[in-house]
mmCIF file of all heavy atoms, coordinates in Angstrom:
data_MODEL
# 
_entry.id   MODEL 
# 
loop_
_atom_site.group_PDB 
_atom_site.id 
_atom_site.type_symbol 
_atom_site.label_atom_id 
_atom_site.label_alt_id 
_atom_site.label_comp_id 
_atom_site.label_asym_id 
_atom_site.label_entity_id 
_atom_site.label_seq_id 
_atom_site.pdbx_PDB_ins_code 
_atom_site.Cartn_x 
_atom_site.Cartn_y 
_atom_site.Cartn_z 
_atom_site.occupancy 
_atom_site.B_iso_or_equiv 
_atom_site.pdbx_formal_charge 
_atom_site.auth_seq_id 
_atom_site.auth_comp_id 
_atom_site.auth_asym_id 
_atom_site.auth_atom_id 
_atom_site.pdbx_PDB_model_num 
ATOM 1   N N   . GLY A 1 1  ? 0.826   -1.174  -0.036 1.00 0.00 ? 1  GLY A N   1 
ATOM 2   C CA  . GLY A 1 1  ? 0.018   -0.024  0.097  1.00 0.00 ? 1  GLY A CA  1 
ATOM 3   C C   . GLY A 1 1  ? 0.975   1.287   0.032  1.00 0.00 ? 1  GLY A C   1 
ATOM 4   O O   . GLY A 1 1  ? 0.487   2.229   -0.597 1.00 0.00 ? 1  GLY A O   1 
ATOM 5   N N   . ALA A 1 2  ? 2.015   1.192   0.687  1.00 0.00 ? 2  ALA A N   1 
ATOM 6   C CA  . ALA A 1 2  ? 2.890   2.311   0.707  1.00 0.00 ? 2  ALA A CA  1 
ATOM 7   C C   . ALA A 1 2  ? 3.514   2.628   -0.705 1.00 0.00 ? 2  ALA A C   1 
ATOM 8   O O   . ALA A 1 2  ? 3.637   3.789   -1.130 1.00 0.00 ? 2  ALA A O   1 
ATOM 9   C CB  . ALA A 1 2  ? 4.002   2.153   1.689  1.00 0.00 ? 2  ALA A CB  1 
ATOM 10  N N   . ILE A 1 3  ? 3.702   1.584   -1.446 1.00 0.00 ? 3  ILE A N   1 
ATOM 11  C CA  . ILE A 1 3  ? 4.201   1.604   -2.794 1.00 0.00 ? 3  ILE A CA  1 
ATOM 12  C C   . ILE A 1 3  ? 3.245   2.304   -3.785 1.00 0.00 ? 3  ILE A C   1 
ATOM 13  O O   . ILE A 1 3  ? 3.476   3.138   -4.470 1.00 0.00 ? 3  ILE A O   1 
ATOM 14  C CB  . ILE A 1 3  ? 4.605   0.263   -3.396 1.00 0.00 ? 3  ILE A CB  1 
ATOM 15  C CG1 . ILE A 1 3  ? 5.852   -0.213  -2.590 1.00 0.00 ? 3  ILE A CG1 1 
ATOM 16  C CG2 . ILE A 1 3  ? 5.055   0.257   -4.804 1.00 0.00 ? 3  ILE A CG2 1 
ATOM 17  C CD1 . ILE A 1 3  ? 6.307   -1.705  -2.867 1.00 0.00 ? 3  ILE A CD1 1 
ATOM 18  N N   . ILE A 1 4  ? 1.895   1.906   -3.686 1.00 0.00 ? 4  ILE A N   1 
ATOM 19  C CA  . ILE A 1 4  ? 0.856   2.346   -4.500 1.00 0.00 ? 4  ILE A CA  1 
ATOM 20  C C   . ILE A 1 4  ? 0.052   3.582   -3.897 1.00 0.00 ? 4  ILE A C   1 
ATOM 21  O O   . ILE A 1 4  ? -0.829  4.069   -4.539 1.00 0.00 ? 4  ILE A O   1 
ATOM 22  C CB  . ILE A 1 4  ? -0.114  1.248   -4.951 1.00 0.00 ? 4  ILE A CB  1 
ATOM 23  C CG1 . ILE A 1 4  ? -0.797  0.741   -3.792 1.00 0.00 ? 4  ILE A CG1 1 
ATOM 24  C CG2 . ILE A 1 4  ? 0.697   0.217   -5.748 1.00 0.00 ? 4  ILE A CG2 1 
ATOM 25  C CD1 . ILE A 1 4  ? -1.835  -0.251  -4.205 1.00 0.00 ? 4  ILE A CD1 1 
ATOM 26  N N   . ASP A 1 5  ? 0.644   4.061   -2.739 1.00 0.00 ? 5  ASP A N   1 
ATOM 27  C CA  . ASP A 1 5  ? 0.036   5.123   -1.960 1.00 0.00 ? 5  ASP A CA  1 
ATOM 28  C C   . ASP A 1 5  ? -1.389  4.944   -1.711 1.00 0.00 ? 5  ASP A C   1 
ATOM 29  O O   . ASP A 1 5  ? -2.295  5.874   -1.781 1.00 0.00 ? 5  ASP A O   1 
ATOM 30  C CB  . ASP A 1 5  ? 0.221   6.416   -2.829 1.00 0.00 ? 5  ASP A CB  1 
ATOM 31  C CG  . ASP A 1 5  ? 0.090   7.587   -1.975 1.00 0.00 ? 5  ASP A CG  1 
ATOM 32  O OD1 . ASP A 1 5  ? 0.448   7.556   -0.773 1.00 0.00 ? 5  ASP A OD1 1 
ATOM 33  O OD2 . ASP A 1 5  ? -0.219  8.667   -2.488 1.00 0.00 ? 5  ASP A OD2 1 
ATOM 34  N N   . VAL A 1 6  ? -1.844  3.723   -1.213 1.00 0.00 ? 6  VAL A N   1 
ATOM 35  C CA  . VAL A 1 6  ? -3.121  3.434   -0.744 1.00 0.00 ? 6  VAL A CA  1 
ATOM 36  C C   . VAL A 1 6  ? -2.901  2.623   0.582  1.00 0.00 ? 6  VAL A C   1 
ATOM 37  O O   . VAL A 1 6  ? -2.241  1.780   0.707  1.00 0.00 ? 6  VAL A O   1 
ATOM 38  C CB  . VAL A 1 6  ? -3.909  2.490   -1.716 1.00 0.00 ? 6  VAL A CB  1 
ATOM 39  C CG1 . VAL A 1 6  ? -5.269  2.175   -1.082 1.00 0.00 ? 6  VAL A CG1 1 
ATOM 40  C CG2 . VAL A 1 6  ? -4.011  3.231   -3.075 1.00 0.00 ? 6  VAL A CG2 1 
ATOM 41  N N   . PRO A 1 7  ? -3.672  3.180   1.650  1.00 0.00 ? 7  PRO A N   1 
ATOM 42  C CA  . PRO A 1 7  ? -3.460  2.633   2.987  1.00 0.00 ? 7  PRO A CA  1 
ATOM 43  C C   . PRO A 1 7  ? -4.138  1.271   3.108  1.00 0.00 ? 7  PRO A C   1 
ATOM 44  O O   . PRO A 1 7  ? -5.202  1.079   3.804  1.00 0.00 ? 7  PRO A O   1 
ATOM 45  C CB  . PRO A 1 7  ? -4.101  3.633   3.948  1.00 0.00 ? 7  PRO A CB  1 
ATOM 46  C CG  . PRO A 1 7  ? -5.093  4.308   3.183  1.00 0.00 ? 7  PRO A CG  1 
ATOM 47  C CD  . PRO A 1 7  ? -4.601  4.306   1.696  1.00 0.00 ? 7  PRO A CD  1 
ATOM 48  N N   . LEU A 1 8  ? -3.581  0.171   2.597  1.00 0.00 ? 8  LEU A N   1 
ATOM 49  C CA  . LEU A 1 8  ? -4.154  -1.149  2.547  1.00 0.00 ? 8  LEU A CA  1 
ATOM 50  C C   . LEU A 1 8  ? -4.012  -1.804  3.890  1.00 0.00 ? 8  LEU A C   1 
ATOM 51  O O   . LEU A 1 8  ? -4.998  -2.600  4.337  1.00 0.00 ? 8  LEU A O   1 
ATOM 52  C CB  . LEU A 1 8  ? -3.574  -2.026  1.436  1.00 0.00 ? 8  LEU A CB  1 
ATOM 53  C CG  . LEU A 1 8  ? -3.745  -1.553  0.029  1.00 0.00 ? 8  LEU A CG  1 
ATOM 54  C CD1 . LEU A 1 8  ? -2.879  -2.381  -0.892 1.00 0.00 ? 8  LEU A CD1 1 
ATOM 55  C CD2 . LEU A 1 8  ? -5.186  -1.584  -0.258 1.00 0.00 ? 8  LEU A CD2 1 
ATOM 56  N N   . GLY A 1 9  ? -3.030  -1.469  4.770  1.00 0.00 ? 9  GLY A N   1 
ATOM 57  C CA  . GLY A 1 9  ? -2.805  -2.092  6.071  1.00 0.00 ? 9  GLY A CA  1 
ATOM 58  C C   . GLY A 1 9  ? -3.974  -1.810  6.936  1.00 0.00 ? 9  GLY A C   1 
ATOM 59  O O   . GLY A 1 9  ? -4.351  -2.748  7.655  1.00 0.00 ? 9  GLY A O   1 
ATOM 60  N N   . ARG A 1 10 ? -4.612  -0.626  6.915  1.00 0.00 ? 10 ARG A N   1 
ATOM 61  C CA  . ARG A 1 10 ? -5.663  -0.357  7.778  1.00 0.00 ? 10 ARG A CA  1 
ATOM 62  C C   . ARG A 1 10 ? -6.961  -1.266  7.458  1.00 0.00 ? 10 ARG A C   1 
ATOM 63  O O   . ARG A 1 10 ? -7.633  -1.596  8.279  1.00 0.00 ? 10 ARG A O   1 
ATOM 64  C CB  . ARG A 1 10 ? -6.025  1.083   7.795  1.00 0.00 ? 10 ARG A CB  1 
ATOM 65  C CG  . ARG A 1 10 ? -6.791  1.528   6.617  1.00 0.00 ? 10 ARG A CG  1 
ATOM 66  C CD  . ARG A 1 10 ? -7.355  2.930   6.767  1.00 0.00 ? 10 ARG A CD  1 
ATOM 67  N NE  . ARG A 1 10 ? -6.178  3.866   6.798  1.00 0.00 ? 10 ARG A NE  1 
ATOM 68  C CZ  . ARG A 1 10 ? -6.292  5.153   6.586  1.00 0.00 ? 10 ARG A CZ  1 
ATOM 69  N NH1 . ARG A 1 10 ? -7.434  5.673   6.218  1.00 0.00 ? 10 ARG A NH1 1 
ATOM 70  N NH2 . ARG A 1 10 ? -5.271  5.875   6.588  1.00 0.00 ? 10 ARG A NH2 1 
ATOM 71  N N   . TYR A 1 11 ? -7.080  -1.665  6.200  1.00 0.00 ? 11 TYR A N   1 
ATOM 72  C CA  . TYR A 1 11 ? -8.307  -2.569  5.808  1.00 0.00 ? 11 TYR A CA  1 
ATOM 73  C C   . TYR A 1 11 ? -7.965  -3.923  6.292  1.00 0.00 ? 11 TYR A C   1 
ATOM 74  O O   . TYR A 1 11 ? -9.022  -4.544  6.859  1.00 0.00 ? 11 TYR A O   1 
ATOM 75  C CB  . TYR A 1 11 ? -8.388  -2.477  4.307  1.00 0.00 ? 11 TYR A CB  1 
ATOM 76  C CG  . TYR A 1 11 ? -8.751  -1.021  3.842  1.00 0.00 ? 11 TYR A CG  1 
ATOM 77  C CD1 . TYR A 1 11 ? -7.901  -0.478  2.789  1.00 0.00 ? 11 TYR A CD1 1 
ATOM 78  C CD2 . TYR A 1 11 ? -9.818  -0.396  4.319  1.00 0.00 ? 11 TYR A CD2 1 
ATOM 79  C CE1 . TYR A 1 11 ? -8.184  0.829   2.423  1.00 0.00 ? 11 TYR A CE1 1 
ATOM 80  C CE2 . TYR A 1 11 ? -10.169 0.879   3.895  1.00 0.00 ? 11 TYR A CE2 1 
ATOM 81  C CZ  . TYR A 1 11 ? -9.292  1.522   2.862  1.00 0.00 ? 11 TYR A CZ  1 
ATOM 82  O OH  . TYR A 1 11 ? -9.517  2.677   2.384  1.00 0.00 ? 11 TYR A OH  1 
ATOM 83  N N   . VAL A 1 12 ? -6.773  -4.263  6.374  1.00 0.00 ? 12 VAL A N   1 
ATOM 84  C CA  . VAL A 1 12 ? -6.473  -5.703  6.928  1.00 0.00 ? 12 VAL A CA  1 
ATOM 85  C C   . VAL A 1 12 ? -6.857  -5.658  8.467  1.00 0.00 ? 12 VAL A C   1 
ATOM 86  O O   . VAL A 1 12 ? -7.390  -6.665  8.926  1.00 0.00 ? 12 VAL A O   1 
ATOM 87  C CB  . VAL A 1 12 ? -5.050  -6.082  6.603  1.00 0.00 ? 12 VAL A CB  1 
ATOM 88  C CG1 . VAL A 1 12 ? -4.643  -7.335  7.358  1.00 0.00 ? 12 VAL A CG1 1 
ATOM 89  C CG2 . VAL A 1 12 ? -4.668  -6.195  5.227  1.00 0.00 ? 12 VAL A CG2 1 
ATOM 90  N N   . VAL A 1 13 ? -6.365  -4.709  9.136  1.00 0.00 ? 13 VAL A N   1 
ATOM 91  C CA  . VAL A 1 13 ? -6.693  -4.494  10.529 1.00 0.00 ? 13 VAL A CA  1 
ATOM 92  C C   . VAL A 1 13 ? -8.151  -4.532  10.847 1.00 0.00 ? 13 VAL A C   1 
ATOM 93  O O   . VAL A 1 13 ? -8.731  -5.219  11.689 1.00 0.00 ? 13 VAL A O   1 
ATOM 94  C CB  . VAL A 1 13 ? -6.015  -3.270  11.215 1.00 0.00 ? 13 VAL A CB  1 
ATOM 95  C CG1 . VAL A 1 13 ? -6.515  -2.980  12.549 1.00 0.00 ? 13 VAL A CG1 1 
ATOM 96  C CG2 . VAL A 1 13 ? -4.469  -3.428  11.137 1.00 0.00 ? 13 VAL A CG2 1 
ATOM 97  N N   . LEU A 1 14 ? -8.950  -3.697  9.969  1.00 0.00 ? 14 LEU A N   1 
ATOM 98  C CA  . LEU A 1 14 ? -10.321 -3.652  10.217 1.00 0.00 ? 14 LEU A CA  1 
ATOM 99  C C   . LEU A 1 14 ? -11.010 -5.025  9.872  1.00 0.00 ? 14 LEU A C   1 
ATOM 100 O O   . LEU A 1 14 ? -11.973 -5.283  10.590 1.00 0.00 ? 14 LEU A O   1 
ATOM 101 C CB  . LEU A 1 14 ? -10.996 -2.562  9.254  1.00 0.00 ? 14 LEU A CB  1 
ATOM 102 C CG  . LEU A 1 14 ? -10.667 -1.115  9.689  1.00 0.00 ? 14 LEU A CG  1 
ATOM 103 C CD1 . LEU A 1 14 ? -11.120 -0.088  8.623  1.00 0.00 ? 14 LEU A CD1 1 
ATOM 104 C CD2 . LEU A 1 14 ? -11.309 -0.832  10.978 1.00 0.00 ? 14 LEU A CD2 1 
ATOM 105 N N   . ILE A 1 15 ? -10.621 -5.658  8.901  1.00 0.00 ? 15 ILE A N   1 
ATOM 106 C CA  . ILE A 1 15 ? -11.248 -6.948  8.538  1.00 0.00 ? 15 ILE A CA  1 
ATOM 107 C C   . ILE A 1 15 ? -11.011 -8.011  9.649  1.00 0.00 ? 15 ILE A C   1 
ATOM 108 O O   . ILE A 1 15 ? -11.900 -8.845  9.901  1.00 0.00 ? 15 ILE A O   1 
ATOM 109 C CB  . ILE A 1 15 ? -10.625 -7.461  7.131  1.00 0.00 ? 15 ILE A CB  1 
ATOM 110 C CG1 . ILE A 1 15 ? -11.295 -6.525  5.979  1.00 0.00 ? 15 ILE A CG1 1 
ATOM 111 C CG2 . ILE A 1 15 ? -11.087 -8.858  6.878  1.00 0.00 ? 15 ILE A CG2 1 
ATOM 112 C CD1 . ILE A 1 15 ? -10.674 -6.736  4.767  1.00 0.00 ? 15 ILE A CD1 1 
ATOM 113 N N   . THR A 1 16 ? -9.855  -7.953  10.125 1.00 0.00 ? 16 THR A N   1 
ATOM 114 C CA  . THR A 1 16 ? -9.410  -9.087  11.162 1.00 0.00 ? 16 THR A CA  1 
ATOM 115 C C   . THR A 1 16 ? -9.745  -8.594  12.627 1.00 0.00 ? 16 THR A C   1 
ATOM 116 O O   . THR A 1 16 ? -9.464  -9.463  13.412 1.00 0.00 ? 16 THR A O   1 
ATOM 117 C CB  . THR A 1 16 ? -8.029  -9.463  10.922 1.00 0.00 ? 16 THR A CB  1 
ATOM 118 O OG1 . THR A 1 16 ? -7.170  -8.331  11.308 1.00 0.00 ? 16 THR A OG1 1 
ATOM 119 C CG2 . THR A 1 16 ? -7.689  -9.999  9.648  1.00 0.00 ? 16 THR A CG2 1 
ATOM 120 N N   . MET A 1 17 ? -10.218 -7.483  12.882 1.00 0.00 ? 17 MET A N   1 
ATOM 121 C CA  . MET A 1 17 ? -10.427 -6.946  14.303 1.00 0.00 ? 17 MET A CA  1 
ATOM 122 C C   . MET A 1 17 ? -11.364 -7.835  14.987 1.00 0.00 ? 17 MET A C   1 
ATOM 123 O O   . MET A 1 17 ? -10.977 -8.253  16.129 1.00 0.00 ? 17 MET A O   1 
ATOM 124 C CB  . MET A 1 17 ? -10.833 -5.574  14.215 1.00 0.00 ? 17 MET A CB  1 
ATOM 125 C CG  . MET A 1 17 ? -10.802 -4.866  15.581 1.00 0.00 ? 17 MET A CG  1 
ATOM 126 S SD  . MET A 1 17 ? -11.366 -3.163  15.585 1.00 0.00 ? 17 MET A SD  1 
ATOM 127 C CE  . MET A 1 17 ? -10.237 -2.441  14.281 1.00 0.00 ? 17 MET A CE  1 
ATOM 128 N N   . VAL A 1 18 ? -12.546 -8.137  14.544 1.00 0.00 ? 18 VAL A N   1 
ATOM 129 C CA  . VAL A 1 18 ? -13.633 -8.862  15.218 1.00 0.00 ? 18 VAL A CA  1 
ATOM 130 C C   . VAL A 1 18 ? -13.171 -10.345 15.505 1.00 0.00 ? 18 VAL A C   1 
ATOM 131 O O   . VAL A 1 18 ? -13.224 -10.790 16.647 1.00 0.00 ? 18 VAL A O   1 
ATOM 132 C CB  . VAL A 1 18 ? -14.931 -8.675  14.603 1.00 0.00 ? 18 VAL A CB  1 
ATOM 133 C CG1 . VAL A 1 18 ? -16.067 -9.647  15.284 1.00 0.00 ? 18 VAL A CG1 1 
ATOM 134 C CG2 . VAL A 1 18 ? -15.459 -7.250  14.665 1.00 0.00 ? 18 VAL A CG2 1 
ATOM 135 N N   . PRO A 1 19 ? -12.776 -10.978 14.410 1.00 0.00 ? 19 PRO A N   1 
ATOM 136 C CA  . PRO A 1 19 ? -12.405 -12.370 14.635 1.00 0.00 ? 19 PRO A CA  1 
ATOM 137 C C   . PRO A 1 19 ? -11.123 -12.518 15.528 1.00 0.00 ? 19 PRO A C   1 
ATOM 138 O O   . PRO A 1 19 ? -11.015 -13.497 16.459 1.00 0.00 ? 19 PRO A O   1 
ATOM 139 C CB  . PRO A 1 19 ? -12.102 -13.024 13.295 1.00 0.00 ? 19 PRO A CB  1 
ATOM 140 C CG  . PRO A 1 19 ? -12.076 -11.860 12.342 1.00 0.00 ? 19 PRO A CG  1 
ATOM 141 C CD  . PRO A 1 19 ? -12.705 -10.705 12.965 1.00 0.00 ? 19 PRO A CD  1 
ATOM 142 N N   . SER A 1 20 ? -10.265 -11.560 15.539 1.00 0.00 ? 20 SER A N   1 
ATOM 143 C CA  . SER A 1 20 ? -9.094  -11.631 16.366 1.00 0.00 ? 20 SER A CA  1 
ATOM 144 C C   . SER A 1 20 ? -9.453  -11.489 17.898 1.00 0.00 ? 20 SER A C   1 
ATOM 145 O O   . SER A 1 20 ? -9.008  -12.087 18.706 1.00 0.00 ? 20 SER A O   1 
ATOM 146 C CB  . SER A 1 20 ? -8.145  -10.547 16.059 1.00 0.00 ? 20 SER A CB  1 
ATOM 147 O OG  . SER A 1 20 ? -7.479  -10.729 14.789 1.00 0.00 ? 20 SER A OG  1 
ATOM 148 N N   . PHE A 1 21 ? -10.403 -10.500 18.080 1.00 0.00 ? 21 PHE A N   1 
ATOM 149 C CA  . PHE A 1 21 ? -10.934 -10.383 19.470 1.00 0.00 ? 21 PHE A CA  1 
ATOM 150 C C   . PHE A 1 21 ? -11.639 -11.600 20.015 1.00 0.00 ? 21 PHE A C   1 
ATOM 151 O O   . PHE A 1 21 ? -11.347 -12.079 21.133 1.00 0.00 ? 21 PHE A O   1 
ATOM 152 C CB  . PHE A 1 21 ? -12.011 -9.202  19.439 1.00 0.00 ? 21 PHE A CB  1 
ATOM 153 C CG  . PHE A 1 21 ? -12.468 -8.913  20.921 1.00 0.00 ? 21 PHE A CG  1 
ATOM 154 C CD1 . PHE A 1 21 ? -11.611 -8.361  21.826 1.00 0.00 ? 21 PHE A CD1 1 
ATOM 155 C CD2 . PHE A 1 21 ? -13.715 -9.174  21.192 1.00 0.00 ? 21 PHE A CD2 1 
ATOM 156 C CE1 . PHE A 1 21 ? -12.053 -8.065  23.074 1.00 0.00 ? 21 PHE A CE1 1 
ATOM 157 C CE2 . PHE A 1 21 ? -14.171 -8.843  22.522 1.00 0.00 ? 21 PHE A CE2 1 
ATOM 158 C CZ  . PHE A 1 21 ? -13.343 -8.343  23.364 1.00 0.00 ? 21 PHE A CZ  1 
ATOM 159 N N   . THR A 1 22 ? -12.444 -12.264 19.072 1.00 0.00 ? 22 THR A N   1 
ATOM 160 C CA  . THR A 1 22 ? -13.159 -13.458 19.594 1.00 0.00 ? 22 THR A CA  1 
ATOM 161 C C   . THR A 1 22 ? -12.200 -14.621 19.895 1.00 0.00 ? 22 THR A C   1 
ATOM 162 O O   . THR A 1 22 ? -12.423 -15.318 20.816 1.00 0.00 ? 22 THR A O   1 
ATOM 163 C CB  . THR A 1 22 ? -14.242 -13.907 18.554 1.00 0.00 ? 22 THR A CB  1 
ATOM 164 O OG1 . THR A 1 22 ? -13.655 -14.190 17.306 1.00 0.00 ? 22 THR A OG1 1 
ATOM 165 C CG2 . THR A 1 22 ? -15.229 -12.744 18.486 1.00 0.00 ? 22 THR A CG2 1 
ATOM 166 N N   . VAL A 1 23 ? -11.218 -14.844 19.038 1.00 0.00 ? 23 VAL A N   1 
ATOM 167 C CA  . VAL A 1 23 ? -10.181 -15.992 19.218 1.00 0.00 ? 23 VAL A CA  1 
ATOM 168 C C   . VAL A 1 23 ? -9.457  -15.652 20.532 1.00 0.00 ? 23 VAL A C   1 
ATOM 169 O O   . VAL A 1 23 ? -9.008  -16.536 21.301 1.00 0.00 ? 23 VAL A O   1 
ATOM 170 C CB  . VAL A 1 23 ? -9.326  -16.190 18.050 1.00 0.00 ? 23 VAL A CB  1 
ATOM 171 C CG1 . VAL A 1 23 ? -8.195  -15.232 17.822 1.00 0.00 ? 23 VAL A CG1 1 
ATOM 172 C CG2 . VAL A 1 23 ? -8.826  -17.627 18.024 1.00 0.00 ? 23 VAL A CG2 1 
ATOM 173 N N   . THR A 1 24 ? -9.273  -14.334 20.840 1.00 0.00 ? 24 THR A N   1 
ATOM 174 C CA  . THR A 1 24 ? -8.528  -14.066 22.052 1.00 0.00 ? 24 THR A CA  1 
ATOM 175 C C   . THR A 1 24 ? -9.356  -14.283 23.259 1.00 0.00 ? 24 THR A C   1 
ATOM 176 O O   . THR A 1 24 ? -8.822  -14.830 24.281 1.00 0.00 ? 24 THR A O   1 
ATOM 177 C CB  . THR A 1 24 ? -8.124  -12.437 22.144 1.00 0.00 ? 24 THR A CB  1 
ATOM 178 O OG1 . THR A 1 24 ? -7.362  -12.176 20.942 1.00 0.00 ? 24 THR A OG1 1 
ATOM 179 C CG2 . THR A 1 24 ? -7.430  -12.101 23.225 1.00 0.00 ? 24 THR A CG2 1 
ATOM 180 N N   . VAL A 1 25 ? -10.663 -14.052 23.156 1.00 0.00 ? 25 VAL A N   1 
ATOM 181 C CA  . VAL A 1 25 ? -11.551 -14.427 24.319 1.00 0.00 ? 25 VAL A CA  1 
ATOM 182 C C   . VAL A 1 25 ? -11.581 -15.788 24.467 1.00 0.00 ? 25 VAL A C   1 
ATOM 183 O O   . VAL A 1 25 ? -11.522 -16.415 25.531 1.00 0.00 ? 25 VAL A O   1 
ATOM 184 C CB  . VAL A 1 25 ? -13.065 -13.904 23.957 1.00 0.00 ? 25 VAL A CB  1 
ATOM 185 C CG1 . VAL A 1 25 ? -14.034 -14.398 24.937 1.00 0.00 ? 25 VAL A CG1 1 
ATOM 186 C CG2 . VAL A 1 25 ? -13.018 -12.269 24.047 1.00 0.00 ? 25 VAL A CG2 1 
ATOM 187 N N   . ARG A 1 26 ? -11.717 -16.665 23.367 1.00 0.00 ? 26 ARG A N   1 
ATOM 188 C CA  . ARG A 1 26 ? -11.657 -18.087 23.537 1.00 0.00 ? 26 ARG A CA  1 
ATOM 189 C C   . ARG A 1 26 ? -10.431 -18.656 24.029 1.00 0.00 ? 26 ARG A C   1 
ATOM 190 O O   . ARG A 1 26 ? -10.415 -19.641 24.780 1.00 0.00 ? 26 ARG A O   1 
ATOM 191 C CB  . ARG A 1 26 ? -12.046 -18.664 22.178 1.00 0.00 ? 26 ARG A CB  1 
ATOM 192 C CG  . ARG A 1 26 ? -13.485 -18.465 21.714 1.00 0.00 ? 26 ARG A CG  1 
ATOM 193 C CD  . ARG A 1 26 ? -13.910 -19.375 20.574 1.00 0.00 ? 26 ARG A CD  1 
ATOM 194 N NE  . ARG A 1 26 ? -12.994 -19.340 19.380 1.00 0.00 ? 26 ARG A NE  1 
ATOM 195 C CZ  . ARG A 1 26 ? -13.060 -18.440 18.450 1.00 0.00 ? 26 ARG A CZ  1 
ATOM 196 N NH1 . ARG A 1 26 ? -14.084 -17.657 18.356 1.00 0.00 ? 26 ARG A NH1 1 
ATOM 197 N NH2 . ARG A 1 26 ? -12.160 -18.572 17.479 1.00 0.00 ? 26 ARG A NH2 1 
# 
């Protein structure tokens, strides 16, 4: 994303936020 000047990293974080939280709880 830095190469093409689009913040793609934040989309990965947003997509994985809820399942990461639930697996942490489990």
